Amino acid sequence: MDGLQLKLCDIQGRLFELSVERKYGSLEFVKAFMMSDTAKALDSRYNRMQWAGEEYLLEEIVEEAGEENLKRGEVFSKEVLYWMGYIYRYWHYYTGEESRKIYKQASGKTMKRNYLMFHTMDPVLAIEDLKEIYRQRQRG
């Protein structure tokens, strides 16, 4: 993980935190972001979005999802959302998986449920554990 990638993890964490200040429903925001063209752009090898700050990225998500769709649902704490945003981006760099595929393995609900256990872990260990939870759910 290089310095730029870690910086982008931090920016995505701050983007998720910013959704709290705007009082966007956390599950709604996380899903909207992870399934968005903005996330897809961040996943690409190089994209201008990688140089945008969290405020600009938030405006892109709101424009794509519609603010009224984000204004419903429970708002999680900033700490939970920062961790979720950071881990989702770290996961992309660690595995090369796209945000949409990552979200299918670990939805916002899964991330919130596991926050207390995983937020103090090394990101790689947390990601591996989240992937294992997904595999176990798939097996039934």
Foldseek 3Di string as FASTA:
>chain_A
DDPLLLVLLQQQLVLLLVLVVVQFANLQLLVLLLPDPLQVQVLDPDHPSSVDGSVVSNVVSCVVSPVVSRNDHDRDHSLLSSLVRSLLSVLCVVPVDGSNVLCVLAGSVNSVVCCVVPVVDDSVVSSVVSNVVSVVVVVD
